Amino acid sequence: MSNHNLVFKHFVSTKKLNSGMVMKLIHRAIEFKNLDRSLLPQYPGHFVCNVFLENSTRTHLSFEMAEKKLGMPVISFDAKSSSISKGETLLDTLITLESLGVDTVVVRTREENYYESLMESPYLSLSIINGGDGASQHPTQCMLDLMTIYEKFNQFIGLKIAIVGDLSHSRVAHSNAEILSRLGAELYFSGPREWYDETFDHFGRYLPMDELIEEVDVLMLLRVQLERHDQPDRFDAETYHRLYGLNKERASRLQKHAIIMHPAPVNRGVEIADELVMSDQSVIAEQMKNGVFMRMSIIEAVMNGK
């Protein structure tokens, strides 16, 4: 199966994806993962620019690798040396890029739902792929997480999945909870109560870490995003790890088939003990690998829209 008949003008959220679309993207990403490089589709006439206004390693480089595997010329962009640092709006930056010949942009910014006004602008016709907006959505991370889970379990219905950590500040948690619930997974949430957002009640229920650890098929840990906290200096890493982190004792109570996930970057010794990051049950490195192939699948669907 491929996603050849999937056509997207933009890819900014998972909320409008139905289960058929999700599965087509996953199956195509798995095809890319196993396909000889000489058989990959190529888009040498489509210029792309990665406009990252927040720091990123995995998402930024994963997109660049995906784009280059698909033969797309990548136009470099450095936010700190761009006119955005002089006060230029994101809209004007994208108008400039389109005027120069760019037809697809990947954008990451702290501004939530930034893409809504851009997609409605009469001055833009390029395609927008959302690389993450504030604490709202991270649709490509969500899709690579789904791919990783599907490779392991070959289904979503009935899977018990726990999302643990800095829930209210996590775009990964918001994206994943919404779509995993629609796909039939049974969701649990944990972490500090004060970081629990009541919107998650629509998708699952809160349980203390030690109550859910033995039940779950998937344990999805989240980074503590101190850069989004009002008083980051009050955070105590050792206390957090003791109360909410995955230590060796808790890991020993996981079911043998259960997998440990984390969108990274990982704070070792905070969300997860150092020695567990690359343990047998951890799929954190596999998530990063899958990110390239899922982003290729998404880019192909956007190219179909051209």
Protein backbone atom coordinates (compact mmCIF):
# COMPACT_ATOMS: atom_id res chain seq x y z
CA MET A 1 0.00 0.00 0.00
CA SER A 2 1.23 3.53 -0.70
CA ASN A 3 -0.08 7.03 -0.14
CA HIS A 4 0.06 7.91 -3.85
CA ASN A 5 -3.59 8.95 -3.78
CA LEU A 6 -3.16 11.13 -0.67
CA VAL A 7 -3.08 14.78 -1.66
CA PHE A 8 -2.35 17.55 0.84
CA LYS A 9 -1.95 21.24 0.11
CA HIS A 10 -0.64 21.69 3.66
CA PHE A 11 0.15 19.36 6.59
CA VAL A 12 -0.39 21.33 9.78
CA SER A 13 -2.43 19.10 12.11
CA THR A 14 -3.53 15.49 12.60
CA LYS A 15 -7.05 16.47 13.67
CA LYS A 16 -8.54 16.16 10.17
CA LEU A 17 -6.81 12.89 9.34
CA ASN A 18 -9.14 9.92 9.28
CA SER A 19 -7.92 6.41 10.11
CA GLY A 20 -7.50 5.57 6.43
CA MET A 21 -5.21 8.54 5.87
CA VAL A 22 -3.20 7.66 8.97
CA MET A 23 -2.68 4.09 7.80
CA LYS A 24 -1.70 5.16 4.27
CA LEU A 25 0.95 7.50 5.68
CA ILE A 26 2.25 4.77 8.00
CA HIS A 27 2.38 2.08 5.31
CA ARG A 28 4.12 4.43 2.88
CA ALA A 29 6.68 5.39 5.53
CA ILE A 30 7.37 1.70 6.16
CA GLU A 31 7.78 1.21 2.39
CA PHE A 32 10.30 4.06 2.31
CA LYS A 33 12.15 2.46 5.22
CA ASN A 34 12.62 -0.74 3.21
CA LEU A 35 12.93 0.72 -0.30
CA ASP A 36 16.18 0.82 -2.25
CA ARG A 37 17.33 4.43 -2.52
CA SER A 38 17.34 4.23 -6.32
CA LEU A 39 13.56 3.65 -6.24
CA LEU A 40 12.68 6.71 -4.15
CA PRO A 41 10.54 9.39 -5.85
CA GLN A 42 12.52 12.52 -6.68
CA TYR A 43 11.41 16.16 -6.69
CA PRO A 44 14.42 18.13 -7.96
CA GLY A 45 12.27 21.04 -9.17
CA HIS A 46 10.64 21.72 -5.80
CA PHE A 47 12.57 24.05 -3.52
CA VAL A 48 11.97 23.69 0.22
CA CYS A 49 13.01 25.82 3.19
CA ASN A 50 12.99 24.84 6.86
CA VAL A 51 11.99 27.94 8.83
CA PHE A 52 12.73 27.01 12.45
CA LEU A 53 12.16 29.84 14.89
CA GLU A 54 12.73 27.54 17.89
CA ASN A 55 15.77 25.38 18.54
CA SER A 56 15.60 21.85 17.21
CA THR A 57 17.95 18.97 16.43
CA ARG A 58 15.82 15.91 15.56
CA THR A 59 12.89 17.55 13.78
CA HIS A 60 15.01 20.01 11.81
CA LEU A 61 17.65 17.53 10.66
CA SER A 62 15.09 14.78 10.13
CA PHE A 63 13.18 17.01 7.71
CA GLU A 64 16.39 17.98 5.93
CA MET A 65 17.39 14.33 5.54
CA ALA A 66 13.90 13.45 4.26
CA GLU A 67 13.97 16.30 1.76
CA LYS A 68 17.41 15.39 0.46
CA LYS A 69 16.48 11.71 0.11
CA LEU A 70 13.59 12.91 -2.08
CA GLY A 71 15.94 14.99 -4.24
CA MET A 72 14.58 18.37 -3.14
CA PRO A 73 16.88 21.40 -3.14
CA VAL A 74 16.96 22.70 0.45
CA ILE A 75 17.34 26.46 0.91
CA SER A 76 19.11 27.24 4.18
CA PHE A 77 17.51 29.54 6.75
CA ASP A 78 18.95 30.84 10.02
CA ALA A 79 16.40 32.68 12.15
CA LYS A 80 19.07 34.57 14.12
CA SER A 81 20.62 36.07 11.00
CA SER A 82 17.32 36.56 9.13
CA SER A 83 15.20 39.71 8.93
CA ILE A 84 12.87 38.19 11.53
CA SER A 85 15.49 39.34 14.04
CA LYS A 86 14.83 42.88 12.74
CA GLY A 87 11.09 42.59 13.28
CA GLU A 88 9.93 41.14 9.96
CA THR A 89 6.73 39.11 10.28
CA LEU A 90 6.58 35.42 9.47
CA LEU A 91 4.12 36.23 6.67
CA ASP A 92 6.57 38.63 5.03
CA THR A 93 9.39 36.11 5.41
CA LEU A 94 7.31 33.46 3.62
CA ILE A 95 6.26 35.93 0.91
CA THR A 96 9.97 36.58 0.37
CA LEU A 97 10.79 32.87 0.17
CA GLU A 98 7.97 32.22 -2.28
CA SER A 99 9.07 35.17 -4.43
CA LEU A 100 12.55 33.62 -4.60
CA GLY A 101 11.14 30.29 -5.81
CA VAL A 102 10.46 28.23 -2.66
CA ASP A 103 7.20 26.26 -2.94
CA THR A 104 7.20 24.36 0.37
CA VAL A 105 8.16 25.46 3.88
CA VAL A 106 8.48 23.60 7.17
CA VAL A 107 7.79 26.02 10.03
CA ARG A 108 8.37 25.74 13.77
CA THR A 109 7.44 28.63 16.05
CA ARG A 110 6.29 29.36 19.60
CA GLU A 111 3.07 30.91 18.25
CA GLU A 112 0.20 28.44 18.47
CA ASN A 113 -1.98 27.93 15.36
CA TYR A 114 0.26 30.33 13.39
CA TYR A 115 -0.61 28.50 10.19
CA GLU A 116 -4.30 29.43 10.18
CA SER A 117 -3.77 33.04 9.07
CA LEU A 118 -0.98 32.03 6.68
CA MET A 119 -3.12 29.44 4.88
CA GLU A 120 -5.87 32.05 4.48
CA SER A 121 -3.52 34.76 3.18
CA PRO A 122 -4.20 35.82 -0.41
CA TYR A 123 -0.48 36.58 -0.75
CA LEU A 124 0.76 33.01 -0.27
CA SER A 125 0.32 29.89 -2.36
CA LEU A 126 3.21 27.78 -1.04
CA SER A 127 2.62 24.67 1.06
CA ILE A 128 3.13 24.73 4.83
CA ILE A 129 4.20 21.75 6.90
CA ASN A 130 3.93 22.30 10.64
CA GLY A 131 7.16 21.42 12.46
CA GLY A 132 5.57 22.30 15.81
CA ASP A 133 3.60 25.27 17.14
CA GLY A 134 3.98 26.29 20.77
CA ALA A 135 2.39 23.72 23.07
CA SER A 136 -0.39 23.00 20.59
CA GLN A 137 0.50 20.56 17.80
CA HIS A 138 3.45 18.52 16.56
CA PRO A 139 1.78 16.51 13.79
CA THR A 140 4.85 14.93 12.20
CA GLN A 141 6.17 13.77 15.60
CA CYS A 142 2.74 12.35 16.27
CA MET A 143 2.79 10.43 12.98
CA LEU A 144 6.27 8.99 13.55
CA ASP A 145 5.15 7.89 17.02
CA LEU A 146 2.14 6.14 15.47
CA MET A 147 4.42 4.45 12.95
CA THR A 148 6.71 3.21 15.73
CA ILE A 149 3.79 1.82 17.75
CA TYR A 150 2.26 0.17 14.67
CA GLU A 151 5.55 -1.51 13.71
CA LYS A 152 5.65 -3.11 17.15
CA PHE A 153 1.97 -4.07 17.68
CA ASN A 154 0.41 -3.96 14.17
CA GLN A 155 -2.69 -2.28 15.62
CA PHE A 156 -3.94 0.51 17.86
CA ILE A 157 -7.32 -0.79 19.04
CA GLY A 158 -7.18 -1.86 22.68
CA LEU A 159 -3.56 -0.90 23.28
CA LYS A 160 -2.97 0.58 26.72
CA ILE A 161 -0.83 3.68 26.28
CA ALA A 162 0.40 5.98 29.05
CA ILE A 163 1.65 9.52 28.36
CA VAL A 164 3.66 10.73 31.35
CA GLY A 165 5.24 14.04 32.27
CA ASP A 166 4.87 17.71 31.41
CA LEU A 167 1.46 17.27 29.82
CA SER A 168 0.14 20.84 29.75
CA HIS A 169 3.21 22.18 27.93
CA SER A 170 3.60 19.30 25.48
CA ARG A 171 2.47 19.60 21.86
CA VAL A 172 3.42 15.92 21.50
CA ALA A 173 0.97 14.94 24.25
CA HIS A 174 -1.87 16.98 22.75
CA SER A 175 -1.36 15.61 19.22
CA ASN A 176 -0.88 12.00 20.29
CA ALA A 177 -3.74 11.87 22.80
CA GLU A 178 -6.31 13.12 20.33
CA ILE A 179 -5.45 10.78 17.48
CA LEU A 180 -4.63 7.68 19.56
CA SER A 181 -8.02 7.99 21.23
CA ARG A 182 -9.72 8.12 17.81
CA LEU A 183 -7.74 5.06 16.69
CA GLY A 184 -9.09 3.01 19.59
CA ALA A 185 -6.25 3.02 22.12
CA GLU A 186 -6.94 3.13 25.86
CA LEU A 187 -5.11 6.14 27.26
CA TYR A 188 -3.69 6.94 30.67
CA PHE A 189 -1.91 10.10 31.81
CA SER A 190 0.47 10.73 34.68
CA GLY A 191 2.98 13.20 36.03
CA PRO A 192 2.63 16.19 38.38
CA ARG A 193 -1.05 16.97 38.95
CA GLU A 194 -0.43 20.69 38.48
CA TRP A 195 0.79 19.95 34.93
CA TYR A 196 -2.31 17.96 34.07
CA ASP A 197 -4.64 19.73 31.66
CA GLU A 198 -8.33 18.87 32.04
CA THR A 199 -8.69 18.68 28.25
CA PHE A 200 -6.98 15.29 28.53
CA ASP A 201 -10.11 14.00 30.32
CA HIS A 202 -11.70 13.70 26.86
CA PHE A 203 -9.16 11.08 25.85
CA GLY A 204 -8.35 9.02 28.95
CA ARG A 205 -7.80 9.23 32.68
CA TYR A 206 -5.10 10.27 35.12
CA LEU A 207 -3.39 7.59 37.22
CA PRO A 208 -0.33 7.75 39.49
CA MET A 209 2.80 6.41 37.79
CA ASP A 210 3.08 3.39 40.09
CA GLU A 211 -0.51 2.34 39.37
CA LEU A 212 -0.22 2.29 35.60
CA ILE A 213 3.32 0.98 35.12
CA GLU A 214 2.36 -2.72 35.14
CA GLU A 215 -0.68 -2.26 32.89
CA VAL A 216 0.62 -0.48 29.82
CA ASP A 217 1.81 -1.68 26.43
CA VAL A 218 3.38 1.69 25.61
CA LEU A 219 5.00 4.08 28.09
CA MET A 220 5.46 7.47 26.42
CA LEU A 221 7.63 9.81 28.49
CA LEU A 222 7.74 13.58 27.94
CA ARG A 223 10.54 16.07 28.43
CA VAL A 224 10.07 18.62 31.19
CA GLN A 225 9.88 21.83 29.14
CA LEU A 226 11.34 24.33 31.58
CA GLU A 227 11.54 26.97 28.84
CA ARG A 228 7.71 27.11 28.90
CA HIS A 229 7.42 27.29 32.71
CA ASP A 230 6.81 30.50 34.65
CA GLN A 231 9.24 29.58 37.46
CA PRO A 232 11.77 27.12 36.02
CA ASP A 233 14.24 27.77 38.86
CA ARG A 234 11.86 26.04 41.30
CA PHE A 235 12.09 22.71 39.47
CA ASP A 236 13.97 19.94 41.30
CA ALA A 237 15.14 17.22 38.92
CA GLU A 238 15.94 14.65 41.59
CA THR A 239 12.49 14.93 43.17
CA TYR A 240 10.78 14.73 39.79
CA HIS A 241 12.71 11.58 38.87
CA ARG A 242 11.84 9.94 42.18
CA LEU A 243 8.12 10.71 41.94
CA TYR A 244 7.39 10.56 38.21
CA GLY A 245 10.45 9.31 36.34
CA LEU A 246 11.18 5.86 34.93
CA ASN A 247 13.82 4.35 37.18
CA LYS A 248 15.16 0.79 37.16
CA GLU A 249 12.65 -0.40 39.78
CA ARG A 250 9.66 0.90 37.80
CA ALA A 251 11.11 -0.42 34.52
CA SER A 252 11.38 -3.90 36.06
CA ARG A 253 7.59 -3.87 36.53
CA LEU A 254 6.83 -3.19 32.87
CA GLN A 255 5.34 -6.04 30.88
CA LYS A 256 8.01 -7.80 28.82
CA HIS A 257 6.45 -6.73 25.53
CA ALA A 258 5.99 -3.09 26.59
CA ILE A 259 7.95 -0.35 24.83
CA ILE A 260 9.44 2.87 26.19
CA MET A 261 9.07 5.99 24.04
CA HIS A 262 10.28 9.58 24.30
CA PRO A 263 10.12 12.33 21.64
CA ALA A 264 13.54 13.62 22.78
CA PRO A 265 15.64 15.50 23.63
CA VAL A 266 15.92 13.31 26.71
CA ASN A 267 16.83 14.70 30.11
CA ARG A 268 18.71 11.67 31.45
CA GLY A 269 18.09 11.10 35.12
CA VAL A 270 14.93 13.22 35.03
CA GLU A 271 12.23 11.59 32.86
CA ILE A 272 14.22 8.38 32.52
CA ALA A 273 17.25 6.81 34.17
CA ASP A 274 20.43 7.09 32.11
CA GLU A 275 20.85 3.33 31.68
CA LEU A 276 17.29 2.89 30.35
CA VAL A 277 17.53 5.31 27.42
CA MET A 278 19.01 2.64 25.13
CA SER A 279 17.65 -0.43 26.95
CA ASP A 280 16.08 -3.39 25.15
CA GLN A 281 12.56 -2.07 25.66
CA SER A 282 13.41 1.46 24.56
CA VAL A 283 12.45 2.48 21.00
CA ILE A 284 13.71 6.05 21.35
CA ALA A 285 16.40 5.62 18.66
CA GLU A 286 13.89 3.85 16.41
CA GLN A 287 11.54 6.82 16.75
CA MET A 288 14.30 9.09 15.46
CA LYS A 289 15.00 6.74 12.55
CA ASN A 290 11.30 6.52 11.70
CA GLY A 291 11.05 10.30 11.72
CA VAL A 292 12.92 10.52 8.42
CA PHE A 293 10.68 8.00 6.67
CA MET A 294 7.41 9.38 8.03
CA ARG A 295 8.39 12.88 6.98
CA MET A 296 9.20 11.53 3.52
CA SER A 297 5.70 10.05 3.40
CA ILE A 298 4.14 13.37 4.41
CA ILE A 299 6.25 15.37 1.96
CA GLU A 300 5.28 13.00 -0.86
CA ALA A 301 1.58 13.62 -0.12
CA VAL A 302 2.21 17.38 -0.19
CA MET A 303 4.10 16.98 -3.48
CA ASN A 304 1.06 15.12 -4.84
CA GLY A 305 -0.80 18.35 -4.19
CA LYS A 306 1.48 20.19 -6.60
